[in-house]
Amino acid sequence: MRARFMGEAAVLLLLSATIYFLGNQFQNYFLQKTEYAPGVNWIYLPAGLRVLLVLVAGVWGALGICFSTLLIDLQQQGHFADGMLWVTALLSGFGAWAALHAMHVLGRIDRNLKGLQLGQLLEFALLYAVVSCLGQHLIGWFFGKEAHHWYIDIWPMLVGDLAGTASVLLLFRWSLRHIKNLLPQRIGDDQT
């Protein structure tokens, strides 16, 4: 039983890391023009992937995002010497997980995601975007790499995280509905 759990956890972690890495590559290739400033986009799809992967894979999704962020940063920076990269990777992976945990504690989202409504997803997305934006700016401030006008730069990041999250969640919701319609009905299902 434990081996099966560990196997499932490893699959969730690897799938999350791969999906997040590919989503980041997609962002860099196709949505480069949405960049407000280096690292700040008006539409940031990886933020939506963070929310979705944490909803689906939980802590293993968060860990996969964290590892993938380290790989992305290594690809861009060429080294892990900067402590900021490690802390940013932790925020990237576990920011959405912490926001989801807060939603559970507040009773806004059921731990098993039962009865999950669009409004709850949007609340989660907003909470995550605030956590992510404030966290990124606090990390930059702590490591002395914060932009001069952080109080201005935070807004495009918030908008980008919200726009990216809303886009990913709505696309996922639309996909589920259409995939369900494409699947053959099971014998005994009501055909009305």
C-alpha atoms as a PDB file:
ATOM      1  CA  MET A   1       0.000   0.000   0.000  1.00  0.00           C
ATOM      2  CA  ARG A   2       2.795   2.443   0.907  1.00  0.00           C
ATOM      3  CA  ALA A   3       4.651   1.691  -2.340  1.00  0.00           C
ATOM      4  CA  ARG A   4       1.493   2.470  -4.321  1.00  0.00           C
ATOM      5  CA  PHE A   5       1.076   5.793  -2.475  1.00  0.00           C
ATOM      6  CA  MET A   6       4.689   6.737  -3.133  1.00  0.00           C
ATOM      7  CA  GLY A   7       4.319   5.759  -6.784  1.00  0.00           C
ATOM      8  CA  GLU A   8       1.211   7.910  -7.154  1.00  0.00           C
ATOM      9  CA  ALA A   9       2.936  10.794  -5.365  1.00  0.00           C
ATOM     10  CA  ALA A  10       5.939  10.521  -7.694  1.00  0.00           C
ATOM     11  CA  VAL A  11       3.689  10.544 -10.768  1.00  0.00           C
ATOM     12  CA  LEU A  12       1.783  13.599  -9.507  1.00  0.00           C
ATOM     13  CA  LEU A  13       5.048  15.384  -8.717  1.00  0.00           C
ATOM     14  CA  LEU A  14       6.615  14.614 -12.110  1.00  0.00           C
ATOM     15  CA  LEU A  15       3.459  15.465 -14.055  1.00  0.00           C
ATOM     16  CA  SER A  16       3.073  18.743 -12.174  1.00  0.00           C
ATOM     17  CA  ALA A  17       6.720  19.661 -12.734  1.00  0.00           C
ATOM     18  CA  THR A  18       6.475  18.833 -16.443  1.00  0.00           C
ATOM     19  CA  ILE A  19       3.188  20.661 -17.007  1.00  0.00           C
ATOM     20  CA  TYR A  20       4.445  23.723 -15.144  1.00  0.00           C
ATOM     21  CA  PHE A  21       7.754  23.741 -17.041  1.00  0.00           C
ATOM     22  CA  LEU A  22       5.976  23.443 -20.400  1.00  0.00           C
ATOM     23  CA  GLY A  23       3.477  26.133 -19.394  1.00  0.00           C
ATOM     24  CA  ASN A  24       6.328  28.459 -18.554  1.00  0.00           C
ATOM     25  CA  GLN A  25       7.944  27.756 -21.921  1.00  0.00           C
ATOM     26  CA  PHE A  26       4.600  28.459 -23.629  1.00  0.00           C
ATOM     27  CA  GLN A  27       4.356  31.755 -21.711  1.00  0.00           C
ATOM     28  CA  ASN A  28       7.868  32.786 -22.753  1.00  0.00           C
ATOM     29  CA  TYR A  29       7.348  31.832 -26.383  1.00  0.00           C
ATOM     30  CA  PHE A  30       3.781  32.924 -27.164  1.00  0.00           C
ATOM     31  CA  LEU A  31       2.974  35.591 -24.576  1.00  0.00           C
ATOM     32  CA  GLN A  32       6.269  37.434 -24.393  1.00  0.00           C
ATOM     33  CA  LYS A  33       4.554  40.615 -25.608  1.00  0.00           C
ATOM     34  CA  THR A  34       2.431  40.726 -22.436  1.00  0.00           C
ATOM     35  CA  GLU A  35       5.505  41.509 -20.351  1.00  0.00           C
ATOM     36  CA  TYR A  36       5.212  44.754 -18.393  1.00  0.00           C
ATOM     37  CA  ALA A  37       8.695  44.481 -16.892  1.00  0.00           C
ATOM     38  CA  PRO A  38      11.161  41.576 -16.582  1.00  0.00           C
ATOM     39  CA  GLY A  39       9.277  38.808 -14.777  1.00  0.00           C
ATOM     40  CA  VAL A  40       5.979  40.730 -14.652  1.00  0.00           C
ATOM     41  CA  ASN A  41       3.310  39.946 -17.249  1.00  0.00           C
ATOM     42  CA  TRP A  42      -0.165  41.328 -17.841  1.00  0.00           C
ATOM     43  CA  ILE A  43      -1.288  37.751 -18.516  1.00  0.00           C
ATOM     44  CA  TYR A  44       0.709  35.132 -16.623  1.00  0.00           C
ATOM     45  CA  LEU A  45      -0.575  31.635 -17.410  1.00  0.00           C
ATOM     46  CA  PRO A  46       1.857  29.821 -15.060  1.00  0.00           C
ATOM     47  CA  ALA A  47      -0.026  31.425 -12.141  1.00  0.00           C
ATOM     48  CA  GLY A  48      -3.128  29.602 -13.335  1.00  0.00           C
ATOM     49  CA  LEU A  49      -1.193  26.377 -13.661  1.00  0.00           C
ATOM     50  CA  ARG A  50      -0.036  26.746 -10.048  1.00  0.00           C
ATOM     51  CA  VAL A  51      -3.635  27.042  -8.870  1.00  0.00           C
ATOM     52  CA  LEU A  52      -4.868  24.174 -11.041  1.00  0.00           C
ATOM     53  CA  LEU A  53      -2.010  21.808 -10.198  1.00  0.00           C
ATOM     54  CA  VAL A  54      -2.405  22.446  -6.471  1.00  0.00           C
ATOM     55  CA  LEU A  55      -6.162  21.862  -6.721  1.00  0.00           C
ATOM     56  CA  VAL A  56      -5.640  18.575  -8.572  1.00  0.00           C
ATOM     57  CA  ALA A  57      -2.400  17.240  -7.066  1.00  0.00           C
ATOM     58  CA  GLY A  58      -2.219  18.970  -3.675  1.00  0.00           C
ATOM     59  CA  VAL A  59       1.134  19.116  -1.941  1.00  0.00           C
ATOM     60  CA  TRP A  60       2.706  16.929  -4.663  1.00  0.00           C
ATOM     61  CA  GLY A  61       1.663  19.506  -7.257  1.00  0.00           C
ATOM     62  CA  ALA A  62       3.211  22.243  -5.116  1.00  0.00           C
ATOM     63  CA  LEU A  63       6.440  20.271  -4.819  1.00  0.00           C
ATOM     64  CA  GLY A  64       6.498  19.641  -8.580  1.00  0.00           C
ATOM     65  CA  ILE A  65       6.035  23.356  -9.247  1.00  0.00           C
ATOM     66  CA  CYS A  66       8.847  24.124  -6.797  1.00  0.00           C
ATOM     67  CA  PHE A  67      11.269  21.732  -8.533  1.00  0.00           C
ATOM     68  CA  SER A  68      10.235  22.989 -11.950  1.00  0.00           C
ATOM     69  CA  THR A  69      10.796  26.597 -10.867  1.00  0.00           C
ATOM     70  CA  LEU A  70      14.303  25.679  -9.743  1.00  0.00           C
ATOM     71  CA  LEU A  71      14.944  24.134 -13.169  1.00  0.00           C
ATOM     72  CA  ILE A  72      13.551  27.213 -14.948  1.00  0.00           C
ATOM     73  CA  ASP A  73      15.691  29.506 -12.796  1.00  0.00           C
ATOM     74  CA  LEU A  74      18.763  27.353 -13.430  1.00  0.00           C
ATOM     75  CA  GLN A  75      18.039  27.592 -17.158  1.00  0.00           C
ATOM     76  CA  GLN A  76      17.806  31.401 -16.943  1.00  0.00           C
ATOM     77  CA  GLN A  77      20.490  32.128 -14.305  1.00  0.00           C
ATOM     78  CA  GLY A  78      22.930  29.288 -14.885  1.00  0.00           C
ATOM     79  CA  HIS A  79      23.516  28.651 -11.154  1.00  0.00           C
ATOM     80  CA  PHE A  80      21.773  28.226  -7.803  1.00  0.00           C
ATOM     81  CA  ALA A  81      24.172  30.424  -5.822  1.00  0.00           C
ATOM     82  CA  ASP A  82      21.536  33.069  -5.192  1.00  0.00           C
ATOM     83  CA  GLY A  83      19.395  32.278  -2.142  1.00  0.00           C
ATOM     84  CA  MET A  84      16.615  34.322  -3.704  1.00  0.00           C
ATOM     85  CA  LEU A  85      16.110  31.601  -6.335  1.00  0.00           C
ATOM     86  CA  TRP A  86      15.451  28.976  -3.647  1.00  0.00           C
ATOM     87  CA  VAL A  87      12.996  31.160  -1.739  1.00  0.00           C
ATOM     88  CA  THR A  88      11.223  32.181  -4.943  1.00  0.00           C
ATOM     89  CA  ALA A  89      10.880  28.517  -5.921  1.00  0.00           C
ATOM     90  CA  LEU A  90       9.303  27.763  -2.542  1.00  0.00           C
ATOM     91  CA  LEU A  91       6.837  30.637  -2.990  1.00  0.00           C
ATOM     92  CA  SER A  92       6.115  29.532  -6.543  1.00  0.00           C
ATOM     93  CA  GLY A  93       5.315  26.005  -5.441  1.00  0.00           C
ATOM     94  CA  PHE A  94       3.749  26.514  -2.063  1.00  0.00           C
ATOM     95  CA  GLY A  95       2.067  29.930  -2.409  1.00  0.00           C
ATOM     96  CA  ALA A  96      -0.980  28.415  -4.095  1.00  0.00           C
ATOM     97  CA  TRP A  97      -0.940  25.501  -1.661  1.00  0.00           C
ATOM     98  CA  ALA A  98      -0.921  27.924   1.314  1.00  0.00           C
ATOM     99  CA  ALA A  99      -3.781  29.926  -0.221  1.00  0.00           C
ATOM    100  CA  LEU A 100      -5.789  26.715  -0.736  1.00  0.00           C
ATOM    101  CA  HIS A 101      -5.064  25.650   2.841  1.00  0.00           C
ATOM    102  CA  ALA A 102      -6.331  29.043   4.042  1.00  0.00           C
ATOM    103  CA  MET A 103      -9.503  28.554   1.989  1.00  0.00           C
ATOM    104  CA  HIS A 104      -9.973  25.144   3.681  1.00  0.00           C
ATOM    105  CA  VAL A 105      -9.430  26.603   7.155  1.00  0.00           C
ATOM    106  CA  LEU A 106     -11.850  29.466   6.448  1.00  0.00           C
ATOM    107  CA  GLY A 107     -14.433  26.942   5.243  1.00  0.00           C
ATOM    108  CA  ARG A 108     -14.619  28.508   1.789  1.00  0.00           C
ATOM    109  CA  ILE A 109     -13.506  25.359  -0.073  1.00  0.00           C
ATOM    110  CA  ASP A 110     -14.199  21.792   1.031  1.00  0.00           C
ATOM    111  CA  ARG A 111     -11.056  19.690   1.546  1.00  0.00           C
ATOM    112  CA  ASN A 112     -12.387  17.158  -0.976  1.00  0.00           C
ATOM    113  CA  LEU A 113     -13.416  19.965  -3.356  1.00  0.00           C
ATOM    114  CA  LYS A 114     -17.069  18.862  -3.122  1.00  0.00           C
ATOM    115  CA  GLY A 115     -19.532  21.388  -4.472  1.00  0.00           C
ATOM    116  CA  LEU A 116     -16.764  23.623  -5.793  1.00  0.00           C
ATOM    117  CA  GLN A 117     -18.297  26.653  -7.514  1.00  0.00           C
ATOM    118  CA  LEU A 118     -16.801  29.212  -9.865  1.00  0.00           C
ATOM    119  CA  GLY A 119     -17.087  31.938  -7.223  1.00  0.00           C
ATOM    120  CA  GLN A 120     -14.991  29.867  -4.805  1.00  0.00           C
ATOM    121  CA  LEU A 121     -12.363  29.318  -7.493  1.00  0.00           C
ATOM    122  CA  LEU A 122     -12.207  33.043  -8.129  1.00  0.00           C
ATOM    123  CA  GLU A 123     -11.835  33.751  -4.392  1.00  0.00           C
ATOM    124  CA  PHE A 124      -8.997  31.222  -4.285  1.00  0.00           C
ATOM    125  CA  ALA A 125      -7.420  32.803  -7.376  1.00  0.00           C
ATOM    126  CA  LEU A 126      -7.612  36.278  -5.818  1.00  0.00           C
ATOM    127  CA  LEU A 127      -6.142  35.113  -2.507  1.00  0.00           C
ATOM    128  CA  TYR A 128      -3.356  33.288  -4.339  1.00  0.00           C
ATOM    129  CA  ALA A 129      -2.592  36.326  -6.538  1.00  0.00           C
ATOM    130  CA  VAL A 130      -2.282  38.554  -3.475  1.00  0.00           C
ATOM    131  CA  VAL A 131      -0.052  35.998  -1.699  1.00  0.00           C
ATOM    132  CA  SER A 132       2.114  35.609  -4.802  1.00  0.00           C
ATOM    133  CA  CYS A 133       2.493  39.328  -5.543  1.00  0.00           C
ATOM    134  CA  LEU A 134       3.189  40.363  -1.975  1.00  0.00           C
ATOM    135  CA  GLY A 135       5.491  37.381  -1.516  1.00  0.00           C
ATOM    136  CA  GLN A 136       7.490  38.178  -4.654  1.00  0.00           C
ATOM    137  CA  HIS A 137       7.942  41.789  -3.602  1.00  0.00           C
ATOM    138  CA  LEU A 138       8.863  40.868  -0.025  1.00  0.00           C
ATOM    139  CA  ILE A 139      11.449  38.386  -1.319  1.00  0.00           C
ATOM    140  CA  GLY A 140      12.870  41.054  -3.641  1.00  0.00           C
ATOM    141  CA  TRP A 141      12.996  43.548  -0.768  1.00  0.00           C
ATOM    142  CA  PHE A 142      14.662  41.061   1.583  1.00  0.00           C
ATOM    143  CA  PHE A 143      17.358  40.197  -0.962  1.00  0.00           C
ATOM    144  CA  GLY A 144      17.824  43.833  -1.996  1.00  0.00           C
ATOM    145  CA  LYS A 145      16.562  43.329  -5.541  1.00  0.00           C
ATOM    146  CA  GLU A 146      13.217  45.085  -5.283  1.00  0.00           C
ATOM    147  CA  ALA A 147      12.227  47.543  -7.975  1.00  0.00           C
ATOM    148  CA  HIS A 148      12.335  51.199  -7.032  1.00  0.00           C
ATOM    149  CA  HIS A 149       8.558  51.653  -7.438  1.00  0.00           C
ATOM    150  CA  TRP A 150       7.249  48.358  -6.031  1.00  0.00           C
ATOM    151  CA  TYR A 151       3.916  49.987  -5.151  1.00  0.00           C
ATOM    152  CA  ILE A 152       3.374  50.604  -8.868  1.00  0.00           C
ATOM    153  CA  ASP A 153       4.838  47.341 -10.197  1.00  0.00           C
ATOM    154  CA  ILE A 154       2.711  45.189  -7.898  1.00  0.00           C
ATOM    155  CA  TRP A 155      -0.505  46.002  -9.786  1.00  0.00           C
ATOM    156  CA  PRO A 156       0.488  44.568 -13.198  1.00  0.00           C
ATOM    157  CA  MET A 157       1.704  41.443 -11.389  1.00  0.00           C
ATOM    158  CA  LEU A 158      -1.621  41.105  -9.557  1.00  0.00           C
ATOM    159  CA  VAL A 159      -3.592  41.648 -12.762  1.00  0.00           C
ATOM    160  CA  GLY A 160      -1.348  39.216 -14.665  1.00  0.00           C
ATOM    161  CA  ASP A 161      -1.699  36.493 -12.042  1.00  0.00           C
ATOM    162  CA  LEU A 162      -5.482  36.936 -11.943  1.00  0.00           C
ATOM    163  CA  ALA A 163      -5.821  37.032 -15.735  1.00  0.00           C
ATOM    164  CA  GLY A 164      -3.605  33.970 -16.138  1.00  0.00           C
ATOM    165  CA  THR A 165      -5.412  32.062 -13.406  1.00  0.00           C
ATOM    166  CA  ALA A 166      -8.864  32.923 -14.729  1.00  0.00           C
ATOM    167  CA  SER A 167      -7.786  31.907 -18.255  1.00  0.00           C
ATOM    168  CA  VAL A 168      -6.402  28.541 -17.159  1.00  0.00           C
ATOM    169  CA  LEU A 169      -9.345  27.710 -14.882  1.00  0.00           C
ATOM    170  CA  LEU A 170     -11.947  28.671 -17.483  1.00  0.00           C
ATOM    171  CA  LEU A 171     -10.110  26.713 -20.186  1.00  0.00           C
ATOM    172  CA  PHE A 172      -9.898  23.712 -17.862  1.00  0.00           C
ATOM    173  CA  ARG A 173     -13.614  23.965 -17.011  1.00  0.00           C
ATOM    174  CA  TRP A 174     -14.526  24.290 -20.703  1.00  0.00           C
ATOM    175  CA  SER A 175     -12.277  21.319 -21.578  1.00  0.00           C
ATOM    176  CA  LEU A 176     -13.880  19.096 -18.957  1.00  0.00           C
ATOM    177  CA  ARG A 177     -17.353  19.834 -20.279  1.00  0.00           C
ATOM    178  CA  HIS A 178     -16.384  19.146 -23.879  1.00  0.00           C
ATOM    179  CA  ILE A 179     -14.341  16.040 -23.106  1.00  0.00           C
ATOM    180  CA  LYS A 180     -17.277  14.671 -21.134  1.00  0.00           C
ATOM    181  CA  ASN A 181     -19.504  15.155 -24.190  1.00  0.00           C
ATOM    182  CA  LEU A 182     -17.000  13.319 -26.419  1.00  0.00           C
ATOM    183  CA  LEU A 183     -16.798  10.235 -24.193  1.00  0.00           C
ATOM    184  CA  PRO A 184     -19.143   7.372 -25.021  1.00  0.00           C
ATOM    185  CA  GLN A 185     -21.989   6.926 -22.590  1.00  0.00           C
ATOM    186  CA  ARG A 186     -21.870   3.880 -20.368  1.00  0.00           C
ATOM    187  CA  ILE A 187     -24.498   1.181 -20.637  1.00  0.00           C
ATOM    188  CA  GLY A 188     -27.296   1.937 -18.226  1.00  0.00           C
ATOM    189  CA  ASP A 189     -26.735   5.704 -18.229  1.00  0.00           C
ATOM    190  CA  ASP A 190     -29.893   7.696 -18.703  1.00  0.00           C
ATOM    191  CA  GLN A 191     -30.081   8.687 -22.377  1.00  0.00           C
ATOM    192  CA  THR A 192     -32.567  11.505 -21.886  1.00  0.00           C
END
